[in-house]
Amino acid sequence: MNTQITISDSVESTQALAENITPMLPPGALLALHGDLGSGKTCFVTGIARALGIQDPITSPTFTMINEYMGSRQLCHMDLYRIADPDELFSLGLEDYIDGDGITIMEWAERAGDLLPEDTIHILFEVLDTPDTRRITINPQETQQ
């Protein structure tokens, strides 16, 4: 997957982008999402879930830290906003998720420090001048923030 920059002007277009890339994600894919609050990260996860046939509502697991869903593949949705130290990820079982066949998506991934594998797909969400417009940059193997 090459670097891809998309301008999204709606929730629907952000979700459509996520749906379109889902078939290209290899088993055990780890997506590291970067961006401010309200920049579209959870909306993107909803699009991945929809592509996997998951009907459950997708919410950010800020307090539970991990939500798991089962569709055509397992989806693990992590939120590291409350992580104070990257070593806390070991107690969450990070290795088990990224060694599996499903898709793991990590919001606030910069809090994982150097623990992310080299093949992590980094996605940066930036709010632009109008309220619903986002620049979404998909750039595998390069930290975005």
Protein backbone atom coordinates (compact mmCIF):
# COMPACT_ATOMS: atom_id res chain seq x y z
CA MET A 1 0.00 0.00 0.00
CA ASN A 2 1.60 3.27 -1.12
CA THR A 3 1.16 6.60 0.59
CA GLN A 4 -2.37 7.79 -0.06
CA ILE A 5 -3.82 11.21 0.75
CA THR A 6 -7.58 11.64 0.68
CA ILE A 7 -9.70 14.71 1.41
CA SER A 8 -12.93 13.65 3.08
CA ASP A 9 -15.84 16.06 3.28
CA SER A 10 -18.23 13.85 5.24
CA VAL A 11 -18.61 10.97 7.67
CA GLU A 12 -19.80 8.85 4.74
CA SER A 13 -16.70 9.53 2.66
CA THR A 14 -14.40 8.73 5.60
CA GLN A 15 -16.22 5.45 6.15
CA ALA A 16 -16.13 4.66 2.41
CA LEU A 17 -12.35 5.14 2.37
CA ALA A 18 -12.03 2.68 5.26
CA GLU A 19 -14.33 0.19 3.53
CA ASN A 20 -12.27 0.42 0.34
CA ILE A 21 -8.94 -0.35 2.00
CA THR A 22 -10.22 -3.21 4.17
CA PRO A 23 -9.88 -5.93 1.49
CA MET A 24 -6.20 -4.95 1.05
CA LEU A 25 -5.33 -5.42 4.74
CA PRO A 26 -3.26 -8.55 5.38
CA PRO A 27 -3.96 -10.98 8.25
CA GLY A 28 -2.71 -9.49 11.51
CA ALA A 29 -2.78 -5.92 10.14
CA LEU A 30 -2.17 -3.19 12.71
CA LEU A 31 -3.51 0.27 11.89
CA ALA A 32 -2.12 3.09 14.03
CA LEU A 33 -4.48 6.06 13.97
CA HIS A 34 -3.13 9.53 14.74
CA GLY A 35 -5.08 12.77 15.05
CA ASP A 36 -6.80 15.15 17.43
CA LEU A 37 -10.09 14.49 19.19
CA GLY A 38 -12.93 14.64 16.69
CA SER A 39 -10.71 14.18 13.65
CA GLY A 40 -12.50 11.07 12.35
CA LYS A 41 -10.61 8.13 13.84
CA THR A 42 -13.62 6.27 15.27
CA CYS A 43 -15.63 7.08 12.14
CA PHE A 44 -12.88 5.36 10.12
CA VAL A 45 -13.05 2.31 12.39
CA THR A 46 -16.81 2.17 11.73
CA GLY A 47 -16.07 1.89 8.00
CA ILE A 48 -13.64 -1.00 8.56
CA ALA A 49 -16.23 -2.73 10.75
CA ARG A 50 -18.91 -2.30 8.10
CA ALA A 51 -16.61 -3.83 5.48
CA LEU A 52 -16.14 -6.83 7.78
CA GLY A 53 -19.91 -7.24 8.12
CA ILE A 54 -19.98 -6.13 11.75
CA GLN A 55 -23.40 -4.79 12.69
CA ASP A 56 -22.60 -3.68 16.26
CA PRO A 57 -22.32 0.06 16.92
CA ILE A 58 -18.67 1.13 17.04
CA THR A 59 -17.68 3.37 19.93
CA SER A 60 -14.26 4.47 21.04
CA PRO A 61 -13.08 2.24 23.90
CA THR A 62 -11.62 5.16 25.88
CA PHE A 63 -12.46 3.65 29.27
CA THR A 64 -12.41 -0.07 28.44
CA MET A 65 -9.30 0.39 26.24
CA ILE A 66 -10.23 -2.57 23.96
CA ASN A 67 -13.40 -3.51 22.12
CA GLU A 68 -13.52 -6.74 20.13
CA TYR A 69 -15.93 -7.46 17.29
CA MET A 70 -16.41 -10.51 15.08
CA GLY A 71 -17.29 -10.28 11.42
CA SER A 72 -15.65 -11.96 8.43
CA ARG A 73 -12.46 -11.30 10.42
CA GLN A 74 -11.94 -10.31 14.03
CA LEU A 75 -11.63 -6.58 14.67
CA CYS A 76 -9.85 -5.34 17.76
CA HIS A 77 -10.34 -1.62 18.44
CA MET A 78 -7.93 -0.13 21.00
CA ASP A 79 -7.86 3.37 22.44
CA LEU A 80 -4.60 4.32 24.10
CA TYR A 81 -5.68 7.80 25.20
CA ARG A 82 -5.47 6.82 28.87
CA ILE A 83 -2.15 4.94 28.58
CA ALA A 84 0.53 6.69 30.62
CA ASP A 85 3.42 4.37 29.72
CA PRO A 86 3.90 2.17 26.63
CA ASP A 87 4.74 -0.80 28.87
CA GLU A 88 1.06 -0.89 29.90
CA LEU A 89 0.35 -2.38 26.47
CA PHE A 90 1.91 -5.66 27.53
CA SER A 91 -0.77 -6.10 30.19
CA LEU A 92 -3.42 -5.52 27.48
CA GLY A 93 -2.04 -8.43 25.43
CA LEU A 94 -0.91 -6.38 22.43
CA GLU A 95 1.22 -9.25 21.09
CA ASP A 96 -1.77 -11.60 20.97
CA TYR A 97 -3.76 -9.19 18.82
CA ILE A 98 -1.05 -8.38 16.30
CA ASP A 99 -0.01 -12.03 15.97
CA GLY A 100 -3.58 -13.07 15.05
CA ASP A 101 -5.40 -13.12 11.73
CA GLY A 102 -7.73 -10.21 12.46
CA ILE A 103 -7.33 -6.48 12.16
CA THR A 104 -6.17 -4.39 15.11
CA ILE A 105 -6.83 -0.67 15.07
CA MET A 106 -5.18 1.54 17.65
CA GLU A 107 -6.36 5.10 18.33
CA TRP A 108 -3.80 7.44 19.93
CA ALA A 109 -1.11 5.04 18.70
CA GLU A 110 1.69 7.51 19.39
CA ARG A 111 1.31 6.51 23.07
CA ALA A 112 2.64 3.05 22.19
CA GLY A 113 6.11 4.55 21.72
CA ASP A 114 8.50 2.19 19.96
CA LEU A 115 6.40 -0.92 20.57
CA LEU A 116 4.64 -0.89 17.20
CA PRO A 117 5.92 -3.40 14.64
CA GLU A 118 7.71 -2.14 11.55
CA ASP A 119 4.84 -3.11 9.23
CA THR A 120 2.28 -1.00 11.12
CA ILE A 121 0.11 1.08 8.80
CA HIS A 122 0.00 4.65 10.13
CA ILE A 123 -2.99 6.84 9.31
CA LEU A 124 -3.04 10.56 10.11
CA PHE A 125 -6.33 12.46 10.44
CA GLU A 126 -6.22 16.25 10.15
CA VAL A 127 -9.17 18.63 10.51
CA LEU A 128 -9.11 21.23 7.73
CA ASP A 129 -10.74 24.67 7.48
CA THR A 130 -14.36 23.56 7.18
CA PRO A 131 -15.96 21.57 10.02
CA ASP A 132 -16.54 18.32 8.11
CA THR A 133 -13.38 18.30 5.98
CA ARG A 134 -10.47 16.03 6.86
CA ARG A 135 -7.16 15.18 5.25
CA ILE A 136 -6.50 11.48 5.76
CA THR A 137 -2.98 10.30 5.01
CA ILE A 138 -2.26 6.59 4.86
CA ASN A 139 1.46 6.00 5.00
CA PRO A 140 2.65 2.54 5.95
CA GLN A 141 5.82 2.12 7.99
CA GLU A 142 6.24 5.78 8.85
CA THR A 143 5.18 7.44 12.06
CA GLN A 144 2.97 10.41 11.33
CA GLN A 145 3.27 12.38 14.56
